[in-house]
Amino acid sequence: MDIKEYESRKNELHKEFSRRKSELDKEYALSNDTVKIGDTVTDHIGSIVVESIAVYGIMIGEPRCTYYGKNLLKSGKQSKRDPHRTVYQTNIKPT
C-alpha cells in the first residue's frame, strides 16, 4: 500500500462515517418527534400548519426537528404578509 491508496481509503471511511452518522441523527430526531405534517404547532411568535419537517442540530448536539408551514394569524387565517415560516422543535409551546 502506498500513501495515495492509504489517503483514498481513509477518505472513503470518513465519507461512510459521515453518511451513516447523518442517517442515525435523522432517525433519532424523527423517532423523538410527535408532530406530523398537517398538525398545527405554536411557538413564541405564533402558529403554523406544518407542511414539511427537517432535521437540524446535527453539528451542535442532540438532533432536533424544524417545521416549515403556513403562518397563521390569531384568527386562524393564513398571514398574507409572512405566508410561511419555520418553527424549531425546542421552541414549541406545550398545548
N, C-alpha and C. Protein backbone atom coordinates (compact mmCIF):
# COMPACT_ATOMS: atom_id res chain seq x y z
N MET A 1 0.86 -1.18 0.00
CA MET A 1 0.00 0.00 0.00
C MET A 1 0.90 1.23 0.00
N ASP A 2 0.57 2.18 -0.87
CA ASP A 2 1.32 3.43 -0.89
C ASP A 2 0.47 4.54 -0.25
N ILE A 3 1.01 5.74 -0.17
CA ILE A 3 0.34 6.84 0.54
C ILE A 3 -0.95 7.26 -0.17
N LYS A 4 -0.99 7.20 -1.49
CA LYS A 4 -2.20 7.57 -2.23
C LYS A 4 -3.35 6.60 -1.92
N GLU A 5 -3.03 5.33 -1.90
CA GLU A 5 -4.06 4.33 -1.59
C GLU A 5 -4.53 4.50 -0.14
N TYR A 6 -3.60 4.76 0.77
CA TYR A 6 -3.94 4.99 2.17
C TYR A 6 -4.89 6.18 2.31
N GLU A 7 -4.54 7.31 1.67
CA GLU A 7 -5.37 8.51 1.75
C GLU A 7 -6.74 8.27 1.13
N SER A 8 -6.77 7.55 0.03
CA SER A 8 -8.03 7.25 -0.64
C SER A 8 -8.94 6.42 0.26
N ARG A 9 -8.39 5.38 0.86
CA ARG A 9 -9.19 4.52 1.75
C ARG A 9 -9.64 5.28 2.99
N LYS A 10 -8.77 6.14 3.51
CA LYS A 10 -9.13 6.95 4.68
C LYS A 10 -10.27 7.91 4.34
N ASN A 11 -10.23 8.53 3.17
CA ASN A 11 -11.30 9.43 2.74
C ASN A 11 -12.63 8.69 2.58
N GLU A 12 -12.57 7.48 2.05
CA GLU A 12 -13.78 6.68 1.92
C GLU A 12 -14.38 6.35 3.29
N LEU A 13 -13.51 6.05 4.26
CA LEU A 13 -14.00 5.79 5.62
C LEU A 13 -14.67 7.03 6.22
N HIS A 14 -14.09 8.19 6.00
CA HIS A 14 -14.69 9.44 6.50
C HIS A 14 -16.04 9.69 5.86
N LYS A 15 -16.13 9.47 4.56
CA LYS A 15 -17.41 9.66 3.86
C LYS A 15 -18.47 8.71 4.38
N GLU A 16 -18.09 7.45 4.55
CA GLU A 16 -19.03 6.44 5.05
C GLU A 16 -19.49 6.77 6.47
N PHE A 17 -18.56 7.20 7.31
CA PHE A 17 -18.91 7.58 8.68
C PHE A 17 -19.89 8.76 8.68
N SER A 18 -19.60 9.78 7.89
CA SER A 18 -20.46 10.96 7.83
C SER A 18 -21.87 10.60 7.35
N ARG A 19 -21.94 9.76 6.33
CA ARG A 19 -23.24 9.36 5.80
C ARG A 19 -24.04 8.58 6.83
N ARG A 20 -23.40 7.62 7.49
CA ARG A 20 -24.10 6.79 8.47
C ARG A 20 -24.48 7.59 9.71
N LYS A 21 -23.64 8.54 10.12
CA LYS A 21 -23.96 9.39 11.27
C LYS A 21 -25.16 10.27 10.94
N SER A 22 -25.19 10.82 9.74
CA SER A 22 -26.31 11.64 9.31
C SER A 22 -27.61 10.84 9.33
N GLU A 23 -27.57 9.60 8.85
CA GLU A 23 -28.75 8.74 8.89
C GLU A 23 -29.19 8.47 10.33
N LEU A 24 -28.24 8.23 11.22
CA LEU A 24 -28.56 7.99 12.63
C LEU A 24 -29.19 9.22 13.27
N ASP A 25 -28.62 10.40 12.99
CA ASP A 25 -29.16 11.65 13.53
C ASP A 25 -30.59 11.87 13.06
N LYS A 26 -30.84 11.64 11.79
CA LYS A 26 -32.19 11.82 11.24
C LYS A 26 -33.16 10.82 11.87
N GLU A 27 -32.74 9.58 12.00
CA GLU A 27 -33.58 8.55 12.61
C GLU A 27 -33.92 8.92 14.06
N TYR A 28 -32.92 9.40 14.81
CA TYR A 28 -33.13 9.79 16.21
C TYR A 28 -34.12 10.95 16.30
N ALA A 29 -33.88 12.00 15.51
CA ALA A 29 -34.74 13.19 15.57
C ALA A 29 -36.18 12.85 15.22
N LEU A 30 -36.38 12.08 14.16
CA LEU A 30 -37.74 11.75 13.74
C LEU A 30 -38.43 10.78 14.69
N SER A 31 -37.66 9.91 15.36
CA SER A 31 -38.28 8.97 16.30
C SER A 31 -38.69 9.66 17.60
N ASN A 32 -38.12 10.81 17.89
CA ASN A 32 -38.48 11.57 19.09
C ASN A 32 -39.38 12.75 18.76
N ASP A 33 -40.05 12.69 17.64
CA ASP A 33 -40.91 13.77 17.17
C ASP A 33 -42.36 13.32 17.21
N THR A 34 -43.21 14.12 17.83
CA THR A 34 -44.64 13.77 17.89
C THR A 34 -45.46 14.55 16.88
N VAL A 35 -44.86 15.52 16.21
CA VAL A 35 -45.57 16.37 15.26
C VAL A 35 -45.58 15.68 13.89
N LYS A 36 -46.72 15.77 13.22
CA LYS A 36 -46.86 15.20 11.88
C LYS A 36 -47.26 16.32 10.90
N ILE A 37 -47.07 16.07 9.62
CA ILE A 37 -47.48 17.03 8.60
C ILE A 37 -48.98 17.22 8.70
N GLY A 38 -49.39 18.48 8.68
CA GLY A 38 -50.81 18.82 8.82
C GLY A 38 -51.17 19.28 10.22
N ASP A 39 -50.32 19.01 11.21
CA ASP A 39 -50.55 19.47 12.58
C ASP A 39 -50.32 20.97 12.68
N THR A 40 -50.94 21.58 13.67
CA THR A 40 -50.70 22.99 13.98
C THR A 40 -49.82 23.05 15.22
N VAL A 41 -48.70 23.79 15.12
CA VAL A 41 -47.79 23.96 16.26
C VAL A 41 -47.65 25.45 16.55
N THR A 42 -47.39 25.76 17.83
CA THR A 42 -47.28 27.15 18.28
C THR A 42 -45.97 27.36 19.00
N ASP A 43 -45.33 28.49 18.70
CA ASP A 43 -44.13 28.90 19.43
C ASP A 43 -44.36 30.30 19.96
N HIS A 44 -43.29 30.98 20.37
CA HIS A 44 -43.40 32.30 20.96
C HIS A 44 -43.83 33.37 19.95
N ILE A 45 -43.79 33.06 18.66
CA ILE A 45 -44.18 34.02 17.63
C ILE A 45 -45.64 33.84 17.23
N GLY A 46 -46.07 32.61 17.13
CA GLY A 46 -47.43 32.32 16.69
C GLY A 46 -47.57 30.86 16.33
N SER A 47 -48.46 30.58 15.37
CA SER A 47 -48.74 29.20 14.98
C SER A 47 -48.51 28.99 13.49
N ILE A 48 -48.22 27.74 13.14
CA ILE A 48 -48.13 27.34 11.74
C ILE A 48 -48.83 26.01 11.56
N VAL A 49 -49.23 25.73 10.33
CA VAL A 49 -49.70 24.42 9.93
C VAL A 49 -48.51 23.76 9.24
N VAL A 50 -48.04 22.66 9.77
CA VAL A 50 -46.81 22.01 9.31
C VAL A 50 -46.99 21.44 7.90
N GLU A 51 -46.08 21.86 6.99
CA GLU A 51 -46.08 21.35 5.62
C GLU A 51 -44.88 20.44 5.36
N SER A 52 -43.77 20.67 6.09
CA SER A 52 -42.60 19.80 5.93
C SER A 52 -41.80 19.78 7.23
N ILE A 53 -41.04 18.70 7.39
CA ILE A 53 -40.23 18.50 8.60
C ILE A 53 -38.80 18.22 8.16
N ALA A 54 -37.84 18.91 8.81
CA ALA A 54 -36.42 18.71 8.52
C ALA A 54 -35.68 18.50 9.84
N VAL A 55 -34.44 18.06 9.75
CA VAL A 55 -33.61 17.82 10.93
C VAL A 55 -32.51 18.86 11.00
N TYR A 56 -32.24 19.39 12.21
CA TYR A 56 -31.15 20.34 12.41
C TYR A 56 -30.43 19.99 13.71
N GLY A 57 -29.35 20.69 13.99
CA GLY A 57 -28.63 20.50 15.23
C GLY A 57 -27.66 19.35 15.21
N ILE A 58 -27.42 18.81 14.04
CA ILE A 58 -26.57 17.63 13.93
C ILE A 58 -25.14 17.96 14.37
N MET A 59 -24.67 19.16 14.10
CA MET A 59 -23.29 19.52 14.44
C MET A 59 -23.16 20.08 15.86
N ILE A 60 -24.27 20.46 16.49
CA ILE A 60 -24.18 21.14 17.78
C ILE A 60 -24.73 20.34 18.95
N GLY A 61 -25.09 19.11 18.73
CA GLY A 61 -25.61 18.32 19.84
C GLY A 61 -26.73 17.42 19.41
N GLU A 62 -27.71 17.28 20.27
CA GLU A 62 -28.83 16.39 20.02
C GLU A 62 -29.63 16.84 18.80
N PRO A 63 -29.81 15.98 17.81
CA PRO A 63 -30.57 16.36 16.62
C PRO A 63 -32.03 16.65 16.96
N ARG A 64 -32.57 17.69 16.34
CA ARG A 64 -33.96 18.10 16.55
C ARG A 64 -34.62 18.35 15.20
N CYS A 65 -35.92 18.55 15.24
CA CYS A 65 -36.68 18.82 14.02
C CYS A 65 -37.00 20.31 13.88
N THR A 66 -37.17 20.72 12.63
CA THR A 66 -37.73 22.03 12.32
C THR A 66 -38.98 21.78 11.50
N TYR A 67 -39.94 22.67 11.66
CA TYR A 67 -41.21 22.55 10.96
C TYR A 67 -41.41 23.79 10.11
N TYR A 68 -41.75 23.59 8.86
CA TYR A 68 -41.99 24.69 7.94
C TYR A 68 -43.44 24.60 7.51
N GLY A 69 -44.11 25.76 7.50
CA GLY A 69 -45.50 25.71 7.08
C GLY A 69 -46.16 27.05 7.00
N LYS A 70 -47.47 27.02 6.80
CA LYS A 70 -48.28 28.22 6.66
C LYS A 70 -48.34 28.96 7.99
N ASN A 71 -47.97 30.22 7.95
CA ASN A 71 -48.00 31.09 9.12
C ASN A 71 -49.44 31.54 9.36
N LEU A 72 -49.96 31.27 10.54
CA LEU A 72 -51.35 31.60 10.85
C LEU A 72 -51.46 32.85 11.71
N LEU A 73 -52.50 33.63 11.45
CA LEU A 73 -52.85 34.75 12.32
C LEU A 73 -53.63 34.21 13.51
N LYS A 74 -53.86 35.05 14.52
CA LYS A 74 -54.64 34.61 15.69
C LYS A 74 -56.04 34.17 15.29
N SER A 75 -56.57 34.76 14.21
CA SER A 75 -57.91 34.40 13.73
C SER A 75 -57.93 33.02 13.08
N GLY A 76 -56.75 32.45 12.79
CA GLY A 76 -56.67 31.15 12.16
C GLY A 76 -56.47 31.21 10.66
N LYS A 77 -56.52 32.43 10.09
CA LYS A 77 -56.29 32.59 8.66
C LYS A 77 -54.80 32.69 8.37
N GLN A 78 -54.42 32.35 7.13
CA GLN A 78 -53.01 32.44 6.75
C GLN A 78 -52.60 33.90 6.60
N SER A 79 -51.43 34.23 7.14
CA SER A 79 -50.89 35.58 7.04
C SER A 79 -50.53 35.89 5.60
N LYS A 80 -50.93 37.08 5.13
CA LYS A 80 -50.56 37.50 3.78
C LYS A 80 -49.18 38.15 3.78
N ARG A 81 -48.82 38.78 4.88
CA ARG A 81 -47.54 39.47 4.97
C ARG A 81 -46.37 38.49 5.03
N ASP A 82 -46.47 37.49 5.88
CA ASP A 82 -45.47 36.43 6.01
C ASP A 82 -46.19 35.10 5.87
N PRO A 83 -46.41 34.63 4.65
CA PRO A 83 -47.25 33.45 4.46
C PRO A 83 -46.68 32.14 4.99
N HIS A 84 -45.34 32.03 5.08
CA HIS A 84 -44.71 30.80 5.57
C HIS A 84 -43.57 31.15 6.51
N ARG A 85 -43.29 30.24 7.44
CA ARG A 85 -42.14 30.41 8.33
C ARG A 85 -41.77 29.07 8.94
N THR A 86 -40.66 29.08 9.70
CA THR A 86 -40.12 27.88 10.34
C THR A 86 -40.28 27.96 11.85
N VAL A 87 -40.60 26.83 12.47
CA VAL A 87 -40.67 26.71 13.92
C VAL A 87 -39.69 25.60 14.33
N TYR A 88 -38.90 25.87 15.35
CA TYR A 88 -37.95 24.88 15.86
C TYR A 88 -38.61 24.03 16.94
N GLN A 89 -38.30 22.75 16.96
CA GLN A 89 -38.87 21.82 17.93
C GLN A 89 -38.67 22.29 19.37
N THR A 90 -37.52 22.87 19.66
CA THR A 90 -37.22 23.31 21.02
C THR A 90 -38.05 24.53 21.43
N ASN A 91 -38.68 25.22 20.47
CA ASN A 91 -39.46 26.41 20.79
C ASN A 91 -40.95 26.16 20.86
N ILE A 92 -41.39 24.94 20.61
CA ILE A 92 -42.83 24.65 20.62
C ILE A 92 -43.38 24.79 22.02
N LYS A 93 -44.49 25.51 22.12
CA LYS A 93 -45.18 25.64 23.41
C LYS A 93 -46.04 24.41 23.63
N PRO A 94 -46.05 23.89 24.86
CA PRO A 94 -46.93 22.74 25.14
C PRO A 94 -48.38 23.13 25.01
N THR A 95 -49.20 22.20 24.54
CA THR A 95 -50.64 22.50 24.36
C THR A 95 -51.44 22.13 25.57
